[in-house]
Amino acid sequence: MSILHRITLSVVAVALSLCLPSLACADDSADAARIDKLMKQAGFTFEKKNESVWVIKQHGDNLGDYKEILAVGDGLLVIFVTIARDADIPRTEDLEYKMLQLNHQLDRIKVEIDDDGDAAVRADVTIRTLDTAELKEEVHQVAASADEVYADIKPYLAPQQ
């Protein structure tokens, strides 16, 4: 391979690496605009935190008032509710086992400990195929599951001060 050929390949590789992140950002912007439109069509009352994050205030029998967060990235809409903070979650085998059981029992929902150590309930939805009816269903599923999961794990959590 000639030196000119290597240089050309290097330039093309650098150019592609510079273009691909901007293409991903462009897709995220289009996805965010689509979700914004669907949220309005669905009739949700929400607060927009930034171009790609929305907050719906919810109320549950077990959780009380809480926030359901929707965020766009990489072709996915992530919908989640934080149900317990790290400081309130004792790391016990019983709690972990209960969360694994709930993960198995709930359809389309993840029960997780996130990167901050908080317990959350989440759904990841492909934006490409999402319509208004499915968005409503996903938001409802996450909200209802969050309230149900919180009730199920509450006995395992640290007592509230």
N, C-alpha and C. Protein backbone atom coordinates (compact mmCIF):
# COMPACT_ATOMS: atom_id res chain seq x y z
N MET A 1 0.86 -1.17 0.00
CA MET A 1 0.00 0.00 0.00
C MET A 1 0.91 1.23 0.00
N SER A 2 0.64 2.14 -0.92
CA SER A 2 1.47 3.33 -1.03
C SER A 2 1.18 4.30 0.10
N ILE A 3 2.11 5.19 0.34
CA ILE A 3 1.95 6.20 1.39
C ILE A 3 0.79 7.12 1.08
N LEU A 4 0.57 7.44 -0.20
CA LEU A 4 -0.54 8.29 -0.61
C LEU A 4 -1.87 7.59 -0.31
N HIS A 5 -1.92 6.30 -0.56
CA HIS A 5 -3.14 5.53 -0.28
C HIS A 5 -3.43 5.51 1.23
N ARG A 6 -2.40 5.33 2.05
CA ARG A 6 -2.56 5.34 3.51
C ARG A 6 -3.05 6.69 4.00
N ILE A 7 -2.49 7.75 3.47
CA ILE A 7 -2.89 9.10 3.87
C ILE A 7 -4.34 9.34 3.48
N THR A 8 -4.71 8.91 2.27
CA THR A 8 -6.09 9.08 1.81
C THR A 8 -7.05 8.33 2.72
N LEU A 9 -6.73 7.09 3.09
CA LEU A 9 -7.58 6.31 3.98
C LEU A 9 -7.68 6.97 5.36
N SER A 10 -6.57 7.50 5.83
CA SER A 10 -6.59 8.18 7.13
C SER A 10 -7.48 9.41 7.10
N VAL A 11 -7.39 10.20 6.03
CA VAL A 11 -8.22 11.40 5.90
C VAL A 11 -9.70 11.02 5.83
N VAL A 12 -10.01 9.98 5.07
CA VAL A 12 -11.40 9.52 4.96
C VAL A 12 -11.91 9.03 6.32
N ALA A 13 -11.07 8.30 7.05
CA ALA A 13 -11.48 7.80 8.37
C ALA A 13 -11.74 8.95 9.33
N VAL A 14 -10.88 9.94 9.33
CA VAL A 14 -11.07 11.10 10.21
C VAL A 14 -12.33 11.85 9.81
N ALA A 15 -12.54 12.05 8.51
CA ALA A 15 -13.74 12.76 8.04
C ALA A 15 -15.01 12.02 8.44
N LEU A 16 -15.02 10.71 8.31
CA LEU A 16 -16.19 9.92 8.70
C LEU A 16 -16.43 10.01 10.20
N SER A 17 -15.35 9.94 10.98
CA SER A 17 -15.54 10.01 12.44
C SER A 17 -16.06 11.36 12.87
N LEU A 18 -15.73 12.40 12.13
CA LEU A 18 -16.26 13.73 12.46
C LEU A 18 -17.71 13.89 12.02
N CYS A 19 -18.10 13.21 10.95
CA CYS A 19 -19.47 13.32 10.44
C CYS A 19 -20.46 12.47 11.22
N LEU A 20 -20.06 11.28 11.64
CA LEU A 20 -21.01 10.37 12.28
C LEU A 20 -21.63 10.92 13.55
N PRO A 21 -20.87 11.56 14.47
CA PRO A 21 -21.55 12.12 15.64
C PRO A 21 -22.58 13.18 15.27
N SER A 22 -22.29 13.98 14.25
CA SER A 22 -23.26 15.00 13.86
C SER A 22 -24.51 14.36 13.25
N LEU A 23 -24.34 13.24 12.56
CA LEU A 23 -25.50 12.52 12.03
C LEU A 23 -26.35 11.97 13.17
N ALA A 24 -25.69 11.44 14.21
CA ALA A 24 -26.44 10.94 15.36
C ALA A 24 -27.19 12.07 16.04
N CYS A 25 -26.56 13.23 16.17
CA CYS A 25 -27.24 14.38 16.77
C CYS A 25 -28.42 14.80 15.93
N ALA A 26 -28.26 14.76 14.61
CA ALA A 26 -29.37 15.13 13.73
C ALA A 26 -30.53 14.17 13.92
N ASP A 27 -30.25 12.88 14.03
CA ASP A 27 -31.30 11.89 14.27
C ASP A 27 -31.96 12.11 15.62
N ASP A 28 -31.17 12.42 16.65
CA ASP A 28 -31.73 12.69 17.96
C ASP A 28 -32.64 13.91 17.92
N SER A 29 -32.27 14.92 17.16
CA SER A 29 -33.11 16.12 17.05
C SER A 29 -34.43 15.79 16.37
N ALA A 30 -34.37 15.00 15.31
CA ALA A 30 -35.60 14.60 14.61
C ALA A 30 -36.46 13.72 15.52
N ASP A 31 -35.81 12.81 16.26
CA ASP A 31 -36.55 11.95 17.19
C ASP A 31 -37.20 12.79 18.30
N ALA A 32 -36.46 13.78 18.81
CA ALA A 32 -37.00 14.64 19.87
C ALA A 32 -38.21 15.42 19.36
N ALA A 33 -38.13 15.91 18.13
CA ALA A 33 -39.27 16.64 17.55
C ALA A 33 -40.47 15.71 17.40
N ARG A 34 -40.21 14.48 17.01
CA ARG A 34 -41.30 13.51 16.86
C ARG A 34 -41.96 13.21 18.21
N ILE A 35 -41.14 13.00 19.24
CA ILE A 35 -41.68 12.71 20.57
C ILE A 35 -42.46 13.91 21.09
N ASP A 36 -41.95 15.10 20.89
CA ASP A 36 -42.65 16.30 21.32
C ASP A 36 -44.04 16.37 20.68
N LYS A 37 -44.09 16.09 19.39
CA LYS A 37 -45.37 16.09 18.66
C LYS A 37 -46.31 15.02 19.20
N LEU A 38 -45.79 13.80 19.42
CA LEU A 38 -46.60 12.71 19.95
C LEU A 38 -47.10 13.00 21.36
N MET A 39 -46.25 13.63 22.17
CA MET A 39 -46.66 13.98 23.55
C MET A 39 -47.85 14.93 23.52
N LYS A 40 -47.79 15.90 22.62
CA LYS A 40 -48.89 16.86 22.50
C LYS A 40 -50.15 16.19 21.95
N GLN A 41 -49.98 15.32 20.93
CA GLN A 41 -51.13 14.61 20.36
C GLN A 41 -51.77 13.70 21.40
N ALA A 42 -50.96 13.14 22.29
CA ALA A 42 -51.48 12.23 23.32
C ALA A 42 -52.19 13.00 24.44
N GLY A 43 -52.02 14.30 24.46
CA GLY A 43 -52.69 15.11 25.46
C GLY A 43 -52.01 15.15 26.82
N PHE A 44 -50.73 14.78 26.87
CA PHE A 44 -50.01 14.80 28.14
C PHE A 44 -49.74 16.23 28.58
N THR A 45 -49.83 16.45 29.88
CA THR A 45 -49.36 17.69 30.48
C THR A 45 -47.94 17.40 30.94
N PHE A 46 -46.99 18.16 30.43
CA PHE A 46 -45.60 17.86 30.72
C PHE A 46 -44.77 19.14 30.79
N GLU A 47 -43.59 18.97 31.37
CA GLU A 47 -42.59 20.03 31.39
C GLU A 47 -41.43 19.55 30.53
N LYS A 48 -40.96 20.42 29.67
CA LYS A 48 -39.83 20.07 28.82
C LYS A 48 -38.56 20.60 29.48
N LYS A 49 -37.67 19.67 29.87
CA LYS A 49 -36.44 20.06 30.57
C LYS A 49 -35.38 20.58 29.60
N ASN A 50 -35.31 19.97 28.43
CA ASN A 50 -34.43 20.43 27.35
C ASN A 50 -34.95 19.82 26.06
N GLU A 51 -34.20 19.89 25.00
CA GLU A 51 -34.69 19.43 23.69
C GLU A 51 -35.10 17.97 23.69
N SER A 52 -34.48 17.16 24.55
CA SER A 52 -34.75 15.72 24.47
C SER A 52 -35.20 15.08 25.78
N VAL A 53 -35.66 15.89 26.75
CA VAL A 53 -36.12 15.35 28.03
C VAL A 53 -37.44 16.01 28.43
N TRP A 54 -38.42 15.17 28.78
CA TRP A 54 -39.74 15.62 29.22
C TRP A 54 -40.04 15.03 30.59
N VAL A 55 -40.83 15.75 31.38
CA VAL A 55 -41.23 15.27 32.70
C VAL A 55 -42.76 15.35 32.80
N ILE A 56 -43.35 14.23 33.19
CA ILE A 56 -44.79 14.17 33.45
C ILE A 56 -44.97 13.96 34.94
N LYS A 57 -45.72 14.83 35.58
CA LYS A 57 -46.01 14.65 37.00
C LYS A 57 -47.13 13.63 37.14
N GLN A 58 -46.89 12.64 37.99
CA GLN A 58 -47.83 11.55 38.20
C GLN A 58 -48.17 11.45 39.68
N HIS A 59 -49.22 10.71 39.97
CA HIS A 59 -49.58 10.41 41.36
C HIS A 59 -50.01 8.94 41.44
N GLY A 60 -49.46 8.24 42.41
CA GLY A 60 -49.82 6.85 42.60
C GLY A 60 -50.30 6.59 44.01
N ASP A 61 -51.03 5.52 44.19
CA ASP A 61 -51.53 5.15 45.51
C ASP A 61 -50.39 4.85 46.48
N ASN A 62 -49.28 4.31 45.96
CA ASN A 62 -48.15 3.92 46.80
C ASN A 62 -47.01 4.93 46.80
N LEU A 63 -46.69 5.45 45.64
CA LEU A 63 -45.59 6.40 45.50
C LEU A 63 -45.98 7.83 45.85
N GLY A 64 -47.25 8.13 45.85
CA GLY A 64 -47.67 9.53 46.04
C GLY A 64 -47.34 10.32 44.78
N ASP A 65 -46.90 11.56 44.94
CA ASP A 65 -46.52 12.38 43.79
C ASP A 65 -45.11 12.01 43.34
N TYR A 66 -44.94 11.83 42.05
CA TYR A 66 -43.62 11.49 41.51
C TYR A 66 -43.52 11.98 40.07
N LYS A 67 -42.30 11.92 39.55
CA LYS A 67 -42.04 12.38 38.19
C LYS A 67 -41.69 11.20 37.29
N GLU A 68 -42.32 11.18 36.13
CA GLU A 68 -42.00 10.20 35.10
C GLU A 68 -41.18 10.94 34.05
N ILE A 69 -40.01 10.42 33.76
CA ILE A 69 -39.07 11.08 32.86
C ILE A 69 -39.05 10.35 31.52
N LEU A 70 -39.06 11.12 30.43
CA LEU A 70 -38.93 10.58 29.09
C LEU A 70 -37.71 11.24 28.45
N ALA A 71 -36.83 10.45 27.87
CA ALA A 71 -35.61 10.99 27.26
C ALA A 71 -35.31 10.26 25.96
N VAL A 72 -34.83 11.03 24.98
CA VAL A 72 -34.53 10.51 23.65
C VAL A 72 -33.03 10.39 23.47
N GLY A 73 -32.61 9.30 22.82
CA GLY A 73 -31.21 9.12 22.46
C GLY A 73 -31.00 7.85 21.68
N ASP A 74 -30.22 7.93 20.63
CA ASP A 74 -29.83 6.75 19.84
C ASP A 74 -31.02 5.94 19.32
N GLY A 75 -32.07 6.63 18.91
CA GLY A 75 -33.22 5.95 18.33
C GLY A 75 -34.18 5.36 19.34
N LEU A 76 -33.93 5.59 20.62
CA LEU A 76 -34.79 5.05 21.68
C LEU A 76 -35.43 6.18 22.48
N LEU A 77 -36.62 5.90 22.96
CA LEU A 77 -37.26 6.72 23.97
C LEU A 77 -37.17 5.92 25.26
N VAL A 78 -36.49 6.46 26.25
CA VAL A 78 -36.38 5.82 27.56
C VAL A 78 -37.37 6.51 28.48
N ILE A 79 -38.26 5.73 29.08
CA ILE A 79 -39.26 6.25 30.00
C ILE A 79 -38.96 5.61 31.35
N PHE A 80 -38.77 6.44 32.39
CA PHE A 80 -38.44 5.85 33.68
C PHE A 80 -38.98 6.66 34.84
N VAL A 81 -39.07 5.97 35.98
CA VAL A 81 -39.44 6.57 37.25
C VAL A 81 -38.44 6.07 38.28
N THR A 82 -37.83 6.98 39.01
CA THR A 82 -36.98 6.61 40.13
C THR A 82 -37.90 6.36 41.32
N ILE A 83 -37.83 5.15 41.87
CA ILE A 83 -38.76 4.79 42.94
C ILE A 83 -38.12 4.78 44.32
N ALA A 84 -36.79 4.75 44.39
CA ALA A 84 -36.10 4.81 45.68
C ALA A 84 -34.67 5.30 45.45
N ARG A 85 -34.20 6.12 46.34
CA ARG A 85 -32.84 6.66 46.26
C ARG A 85 -31.83 5.70 46.89
N ASP A 86 -30.61 5.78 46.43
CA ASP A 86 -29.52 4.91 46.86
C ASP A 86 -29.44 4.80 48.38
N ALA A 87 -29.54 5.93 49.07
CA ALA A 87 -29.40 5.94 50.53
C ALA A 87 -30.50 5.13 51.24
N ASP A 88 -31.62 4.93 50.56
CA ASP A 88 -32.74 4.20 51.17
C ASP A 88 -32.79 2.73 50.78
N ILE A 89 -31.79 2.28 50.02
CA ILE A 89 -31.82 0.92 49.50
C ILE A 89 -30.73 0.08 50.17
N PRO A 90 -31.11 -0.75 51.14
CA PRO A 90 -30.11 -1.66 51.71
C PRO A 90 -29.80 -2.75 50.69
N ARG A 91 -28.56 -3.07 50.55
CA ARG A 91 -28.16 -4.10 49.59
C ARG A 91 -28.29 -5.47 50.25
N THR A 92 -29.50 -6.03 50.17
CA THR A 92 -29.74 -7.33 50.77
C THR A 92 -30.11 -8.32 49.67
N GLU A 93 -29.84 -9.57 49.93
CA GLU A 93 -30.20 -10.62 48.98
C GLU A 93 -31.71 -10.69 48.78
N ASP A 94 -32.46 -10.47 49.86
CA ASP A 94 -33.92 -10.53 49.76
C ASP A 94 -34.46 -9.46 48.81
N LEU A 95 -33.96 -8.24 48.94
CA LEU A 95 -34.41 -7.17 48.06
C LEU A 95 -33.99 -7.44 46.61
N GLU A 96 -32.76 -7.85 46.42
CA GLU A 96 -32.29 -8.14 45.06
C GLU A 96 -33.11 -9.26 44.43
N TYR A 97 -33.40 -10.28 45.20
CA TYR A 97 -34.21 -11.39 44.70
C TYR A 97 -35.62 -10.91 44.33
N LYS A 98 -36.20 -10.08 45.19
CA LYS A 98 -37.54 -9.53 44.91
C LYS A 98 -37.53 -8.72 43.62
N MET A 99 -36.51 -7.90 43.43
CA MET A 99 -36.43 -7.08 42.21
C MET A 99 -36.27 -7.96 40.97
N LEU A 100 -35.52 -9.03 41.08
CA LEU A 100 -35.38 -9.96 39.95
C LEU A 100 -36.71 -10.64 39.63
N GLN A 101 -37.45 -11.02 40.67
CA GLN A 101 -38.77 -11.61 40.45
C GLN A 101 -39.69 -10.61 39.73
N LEU A 102 -39.68 -9.36 40.19
CA LEU A 102 -40.51 -8.33 39.56
C LEU A 102 -40.10 -8.10 38.11
N ASN A 103 -38.81 -8.13 37.87
CA ASN A 103 -38.31 -7.98 36.49
C ASN A 103 -38.89 -9.07 35.59
N HIS A 104 -39.02 -10.26 36.12
CA HIS A 104 -39.58 -11.38 35.35
C HIS A 104 -41.10 -11.26 35.20
N GLN A 105 -41.79 -10.79 36.24
CA GLN A 105 -43.24 -10.75 36.24
C GLN A 105 -43.83 -9.65 35.36
N LEU A 106 -43.16 -8.54 35.24
CA LEU A 106 -43.71 -7.39 34.52
C LEU A 106 -43.37 -7.45 33.03
N ASP A 107 -44.38 -7.26 32.20
CA ASP A 107 -44.16 -7.26 30.76
C ASP A 107 -43.62 -5.90 30.31
N ARG A 108 -42.64 -5.91 29.44
CA ARG A 108 -42.09 -4.71 28.79
C ARG A 108 -41.41 -3.74 29.74
N ILE A 109 -41.21 -4.10 30.98
CA ILE A 109 -40.68 -3.19 31.99
C ILE A 109 -39.40 -3.76 32.58
N LYS A 110 -38.44 -2.87 32.86
CA LYS A 110 -37.22 -3.24 33.56
C LYS A 110 -37.29 -2.67 34.97
N VAL A 111 -36.92 -3.48 35.94
CA VAL A 111 -36.74 -3.02 37.31
C VAL A 111 -35.24 -3.04 37.52
N GLU A 112 -34.67 -1.88 37.93
CA GLU A 112 -33.22 -1.79 37.91
C GLU A 112 -32.68 -0.97 39.06
N ILE A 113 -31.38 -1.14 39.25
CA ILE A 113 -30.58 -0.21 40.04
C ILE A 113 -29.74 0.54 39.00
N ASP A 114 -29.92 1.87 38.93
CA ASP A 114 -29.24 2.64 37.88
C ASP A 114 -27.79 2.97 38.28
N ASP A 115 -27.11 3.73 37.45
CA ASP A 115 -25.70 4.07 37.68
C ASP A 115 -25.48 4.89 38.95
N ASP A 116 -26.52 5.56 39.43
CA ASP A 116 -26.41 6.33 40.67
C ASP A 116 -26.75 5.49 41.90
N GLY A 117 -27.13 4.23 41.70
CA GLY A 117 -27.51 3.37 42.80
C GLY A 117 -28.97 3.48 43.20
N ASP A 118 -29.75 4.25 42.42
CA ASP A 118 -31.18 4.41 42.69
C ASP A 118 -31.97 3.27 42.05
N ALA A 119 -33.09 2.92 42.68
CA ALA A 119 -33.99 1.92 42.10
C ALA A 119 -34.92 2.64 41.13
N ALA A 120 -35.13 2.06 39.97
CA ALA A 120 -35.98 2.68 38.95
C ALA A 120 -36.76 1.61 38.21
N VAL A 121 -37.83 2.06 37.59
CA VAL A 121 -38.64 1.24 36.69
C VAL A 121 -38.55 1.92 35.34
N ARG A 122 -38.31 1.14 34.28
CA ARG A 122 -37.99 1.74 32.99
C ARG A 122 -38.50 0.90 31.83
N ALA A 123 -38.77 1.61 30.73
CA ALA A 123 -39.06 0.96 29.45
C ALA A 123 -38.24 1.67 28.38
N ASP A 124 -37.71 0.90 27.46
CA ASP A 124 -36.98 1.43 26.30
C ASP A 124 -37.83 1.15 25.07
N VAL A 125 -38.15 2.21 24.32
CA VAL A 125 -39.08 2.10 23.21
C VAL A 125 -38.39 2.56 21.93
N THR A 126 -38.52 1.79 20.87
CA THR A 126 -37.98 2.19 19.57
C THR A 126 -38.84 3.32 19.01
N ILE A 127 -38.20 4.44 18.73
CA ILE A 127 -38.93 5.62 18.25
C ILE A 127 -39.46 5.42 16.83
N ARG A 128 -38.71 4.72 16.01
CA ARG A 128 -39.07 4.55 14.60
C ARG A 128 -40.49 4.01 14.41
N THR A 129 -40.95 3.16 15.32
CA THR A 129 -42.27 2.54 15.16
C THR A 129 -43.31 3.09 16.14
N LEU A 130 -42.95 4.12 16.88
CA LEU A 130 -43.84 4.65 17.92
C LEU A 130 -44.93 5.54 17.33
N ASP A 131 -46.16 5.31 17.82
CA ASP A 131 -47.27 6.21 17.46
C ASP A 131 -47.91 6.71 18.76
N THR A 132 -48.92 7.54 18.64
CA THR A 132 -49.55 8.15 19.81
C THR A 132 -50.13 7.12 20.76
N ALA A 133 -50.83 6.14 20.24
CA ALA A 133 -51.45 5.11 21.09
C ALA A 133 -50.39 4.33 21.86
N GLU A 134 -49.31 3.97 21.19
CA GLU A 134 -48.24 3.21 21.85
C GLU A 134 -47.53 4.07 22.90
N LEU A 135 -47.34 5.35 22.61
CA LEU A 135 -46.72 6.24 23.60
C LEU A 135 -47.58 6.31 24.86
N LYS A 136 -48.88 6.46 24.68
CA LYS A 136 -49.80 6.49 25.83
C LYS A 136 -49.68 5.21 26.65
N GLU A 137 -49.66 4.08 25.95
CA GLU A 137 -49.57 2.78 26.62
C GLU A 137 -48.25 2.64 27.39
N GLU A 138 -47.15 3.04 26.78
CA GLU A 138 -45.85 2.92 27.42
C GLU A 138 -45.76 3.82 28.66
N VAL A 139 -46.23 5.05 28.55
CA VAL A 139 -46.23 5.96 29.69
C VAL A 139 -47.09 5.38 30.81
N HIS A 140 -48.25 4.86 30.46
CA HIS A 140 -49.13 4.25 31.46
C HIS A 140 -48.47 3.03 32.10
N GLN A 141 -47.86 2.17 31.29
CA GLN A 141 -47.21 0.96 31.82
C GLN A 141 -46.11 1.30 32.81
N VAL A 142 -45.27 2.28 32.48
CA VAL A 142 -44.17 2.64 33.38
C VAL A 142 -44.73 3.24 34.67
N ALA A 143 -45.71 4.13 34.55
CA ALA A 143 -46.28 4.76 35.74
C ALA A 143 -46.94 3.72 36.65
N ALA A 144 -47.77 2.87 36.09
CA ALA A 144 -48.47 1.86 36.89
C ALA A 144 -47.48 0.86 37.50
N SER A 145 -46.49 0.46 36.72
CA SER A 145 -45.50 -0.49 37.21
C SER A 145 -44.65 0.12 38.32
N ALA A 146 -44.30 1.40 38.18
CA ALA A 146 -43.51 2.07 39.22
C ALA A 146 -44.26 2.05 40.55
N ASP A 147 -45.53 2.37 40.49
CA ASP A 147 -46.33 2.40 41.72
C ASP A 147 -46.44 1.00 42.32
N GLU A 148 -46.63 0.00 41.48
CA GLU A 148 -46.74 -1.40 41.94
C GLU A 148 -45.42 -1.91 42.49
N VAL A 149 -44.33 -1.65 41.79
CA VAL A 149 -43.02 -2.14 42.23
C VAL A 149 -42.63 -1.48 43.55
N TYR A 150 -42.89 -0.18 43.66
CA TYR A 150 -42.57 0.50 44.93
C TYR A 150 -43.30 -0.18 46.10
N ALA A 151 -44.58 -0.48 45.91
CA ALA A 151 -45.33 -1.15 46.98
C ALA A 151 -44.70 -2.49 47.33
N ASP A 152 -44.22 -3.21 46.31
CA ASP A 152 -43.63 -4.53 46.54
C ASP A 152 -42.26 -4.47 47.23
N ILE A 153 -41.49 -3.43 46.96
CA ILE A 153 -40.14 -3.37 47.57
C ILE A 153 -40.09 -2.50 48.82
N LYS A 154 -41.13 -1.76 49.10
CA LYS A 154 -41.13 -0.85 50.25
C LYS A 154 -40.75 -1.56 51.57
N PRO A 155 -41.26 -2.77 51.82
CA PRO A 155 -40.88 -3.43 53.07
C PRO A 155 -39.37 -3.70 53.21
N TYR A 156 -38.65 -3.72 52.10
CA TYR A 156 -37.22 -3.99 52.10
C TYR A 156 -36.38 -2.72 52.24
N LEU A 157 -36.99 -1.56 52.05
CA LEU A 157 -36.25 -0.29 52.05
C LEU A 157 -35.99 0.19 53.47
N ALA A 158 -35.00 1.06 53.61
CA ALA A 158 -34.71 1.66 54.90
C ALA A 158 -35.89 2.50 55.35
N PRO A 159 -36.23 2.48 56.64
CA PRO A 159 -37.35 3.30 57.13
C PRO A 159 -37.11 4.78 56.85
N GLN A 160 -38.16 5.49 56.48
CA GLN A 160 -38.07 6.92 56.21
C GLN A 160 -37.98 7.69 57.51
N GLN A 161 -37.14 8.69 57.53
CA GLN A 161 -36.95 9.51 58.75
C GLN A 161 -38.08 10.49 58.88
